[in-house]
C-alpha atoms as a PDB file:
ATOM      1  CA  MET A   1      11.163   0.279   0.518  1.00  0.00           C
ATOM      2  CA  LEU A   2       7.511  -0.709   0.629  1.00  0.00           C
ATOM      3  CA  LEU A   3       4.977   1.917   1.652  1.00  0.00           C
ATOM      4  CA  GLU A   4       1.304   1.805   2.536  1.00  0.00           C
ATOM      5  CA  PHE A   5      -0.791   4.931   2.898  1.00  0.00           C
ATOM      6  CA  TYR A   6      -4.118   4.341   4.622  1.00  0.00           C
ATOM      7  CA  GLY A   7      -6.963   5.950   6.552  1.00  0.00           C
ATOM      8  CA  ASN A   8      -8.041   4.636   9.952  1.00  0.00           C
ATOM      9  CA  GLU A   9     -11.741   4.536   9.083  1.00  0.00           C
ATOM     10  CA  CYS A  10     -11.286   3.402   5.467  1.00  0.00           C
ATOM     11  CA  PRO A  11     -13.109   0.061   4.973  1.00  0.00           C
ATOM     12  CA  HIS A  12     -10.769  -0.984   2.146  1.00  0.00           C
ATOM     13  CA  CYS A  13      -7.775  -0.255   4.375  1.00  0.00           C
ATOM     14  CA  VAL A  14      -9.296  -2.267   7.220  1.00  0.00           C
ATOM     15  CA  ARG A  15      -9.724  -5.210   4.812  1.00  0.00           C
ATOM     16  CA  MET A  16      -6.072  -4.963   3.741  1.00  0.00           C
ATOM     17  CA  ALA A  17      -4.628  -4.794   7.290  1.00  0.00           C
ATOM     18  CA  PRO A  18      -4.627  -8.577   7.902  1.00  0.00           C
ATOM     19  CA  LEU A  19      -3.016  -9.164   4.497  1.00  0.00           C
ATOM     20  CA  VAL A  20      -0.208  -6.718   5.295  1.00  0.00           C
ATOM     21  CA  GLU A  21       0.289  -8.469   8.647  1.00  0.00           C
ATOM     22  CA  ARG A  22       0.274 -11.867   6.902  1.00  0.00           C
ATOM     23  CA  LEU A  23       2.957 -10.598   4.517  1.00  0.00           C
ATOM     24  CA  LYS A  24       5.123  -9.772   7.521  1.00  0.00           C
ATOM     25  CA  GLN A  25       4.450 -13.076   9.299  1.00  0.00           C
ATOM     26  CA  GLU A  26       4.755 -15.448   6.322  1.00  0.00           C
ATOM     27  CA  GLU A  27       7.314 -13.686   4.133  1.00  0.00           C
ATOM     28  CA  GLY A  28       9.226 -11.525   6.617  1.00  0.00           C
ATOM     29  CA  ILE A  29       8.409  -8.470   4.512  1.00  0.00           C
ATOM     30  CA  THR A  30       7.759  -5.208   6.306  1.00  0.00           C
ATOM     31  CA  VAL A  31       5.604  -2.476   4.811  1.00  0.00           C
ATOM     32  CA  GLU A  32       6.057   1.000   6.272  1.00  0.00           C
ATOM     33  CA  GLN A  33       2.611   2.339   7.082  1.00  0.00           C
ATOM     34  CA  PHE A  34       1.431   5.941   7.104  1.00  0.00           C
ATOM     35  CA  GLU A  35      -2.017   7.025   8.307  1.00  0.00           C
ATOM     36  CA  VAL A  36      -3.007   9.988   6.110  1.00  0.00           C
ATOM     37  CA  TRP A  37      -6.524  10.998   7.163  1.00  0.00           C
ATOM     38  CA  HIS A  38      -5.481  12.321  10.574  1.00  0.00           C
ATOM     39  CA  ASP A  39      -1.810  13.171   9.975  1.00  0.00           C
ATOM     40  CA  ASP A  40      -0.990  16.090   7.689  1.00  0.00           C
ATOM     41  CA  ASP A  41       2.704  15.180   7.433  1.00  0.00           C
ATOM     42  CA  ASN A  42       1.827  11.676   6.242  1.00  0.00           C
ATOM     43  CA  SER A  43      -0.680  13.119   3.773  1.00  0.00           C
ATOM     44  CA  ILE A  44       2.052  15.331   2.321  1.00  0.00           C
ATOM     45  CA  LYS A  45       4.351  12.290   2.118  1.00  0.00           C
ATOM     46  CA  MET A  46       1.656  10.384   0.210  1.00  0.00           C
ATOM     47  CA  ASP A  47       1.382  13.251  -2.276  1.00  0.00           C
ATOM     48  CA  GLU A  48       5.124  12.907  -2.975  1.00  0.00           C
ATOM     49  CA  TYR A  49       4.604   9.312  -4.145  1.00  0.00           C
ATOM     50  CA  ASP A  50       1.056   9.465  -5.502  1.00  0.00           C
ATOM     51  CA  THR A  51       1.581  11.765  -8.445  1.00  0.00           C
ATOM     52  CA  GLY A  52      -1.745  11.101 -10.115  1.00  0.00           C
ATOM     53  CA  LEU A  53      -1.476   7.328  -9.678  1.00  0.00           C
ATOM     54  CA  CYS A  54      -4.262   6.628  -7.202  1.00  0.00           C
ATOM     55  CA  GLY A  55      -5.775   9.597  -5.403  1.00  0.00           C
ATOM     56  CA  GLY A  56      -7.107   7.535  -2.510  1.00  0.00           C
ATOM     57  CA  VAL A  57      -6.359   4.894   0.066  1.00  0.00           C
ATOM     58  CA  PRO A  58      -5.138   2.323   0.501  1.00  0.00           C
ATOM     59  CA  PHE A  59      -2.216   3.212  -1.716  1.00  0.00           C
ATOM     60  CA  PHE A  60       0.768   0.861  -1.779  1.00  0.00           C
ATOM     61  CA  PHE A  61       4.033   2.002  -3.394  1.00  0.00           C
ATOM     62  CA  ASN A  62       7.242   0.041  -3.971  1.00  0.00           C
ATOM     63  CA  THR A  63      10.085   2.581  -4.093  1.00  0.00           C
ATOM     64  CA  GLU A  64      12.432   0.126  -5.828  1.00  0.00           C
ATOM     65  CA  THR A  65      10.201  -0.988  -8.699  1.00  0.00           C
ATOM     66  CA  LYS A  66       7.891   2.088  -8.749  1.00  0.00           C
ATOM     67  CA  GLU A  67       4.952  -0.326  -8.925  1.00  0.00           C
ATOM     68  CA  PHE A  68       1.836   0.555  -6.991  1.00  0.00           C
ATOM     69  CA  ILE A  69      -1.466  -0.876  -5.885  1.00  0.00           C
ATOM     70  CA  CYS A  70      -4.469   1.413  -5.625  1.00  0.00           C
ATOM     71  CA  GLY A  71      -7.257   0.076  -3.439  1.00  0.00           C
ATOM     72  CA  SER A  72      -7.685  -3.395  -2.025  1.00  0.00           C
ATOM     73  CA  THR A  73      -6.234  -6.467  -3.711  1.00  0.00           C
ATOM     74  CA  SER A  74      -5.601 -10.157  -3.137  1.00  0.00           C
ATOM     75  CA  TYR A  75      -2.850 -11.498  -0.912  1.00  0.00           C
ATOM     76  CA  GLU A  76      -1.210 -13.049  -3.982  1.00  0.00           C
ATOM     77  CA  ASP A  77      -0.989  -9.707  -5.793  1.00  0.00           C
ATOM     78  CA  LEU A  78       0.186  -7.928  -2.634  1.00  0.00           C
ATOM     79  CA  CYS A  79       2.930 -10.513  -2.134  1.00  0.00           C
ATOM     80  CA  ALA A  80       4.027 -10.345  -5.779  1.00  0.00           C
ATOM     81  CA  TRP A  81       4.094  -6.532  -5.611  1.00  0.00           C
ATOM     82  CA  ALA A  82       6.190  -6.652  -2.432  1.00  0.00           C
ATOM     83  CA  LYS A  83       8.682  -9.095  -3.953  1.00  0.00           C
ATOM     84  CA  GLY A  84       8.833  -7.242  -7.267  1.00  0.00           C
ATOM     85  CA  GLU A  85       7.932 -10.489  -9.054  1.00  0.00           C
ATOM     86  CA  LYS A  86       5.264  -9.209 -11.404  1.00  0.00           C
ATOM     87  CA  ARG A  87       3.171  -6.191 -12.095  1.00  0.00           C
ATOM     88  CA  PRO A  88       0.173  -6.201  -9.766  1.00  0.00           C
ATOM     89  CA  GLN A  89      -3.307  -5.678 -11.064  1.00  0.00           C
ATOM     90  CA  ARG A  90      -3.985  -1.994 -10.712  1.00  0.00           C
ATOM     91  CA  SER A  91      -7.422  -1.031  -9.522  1.00  0.00           C
ATOM     92  CA  GLY A  92      -9.250   2.025  -8.351  1.00  0.00           C
END
């Protein structure tokens, strides 16, 4: 399962939104999205996965590979992360 934790007003999250949509359109890969700034339940869910890995948004987590992306990244790295093809560049 692929997860994205984001904040509605987060500029980095806004920049990543079209890349997540492109991933769905071009690769048929769906990322489950959770808004955490205005939803306490989603914030708690993020804390279950972000155990000192990122501490902010956007935070992408692949539950199969345990790989994550902290912050914004390129489409190529996002796609590779989603497919489990290589370790993405970790930022943040």
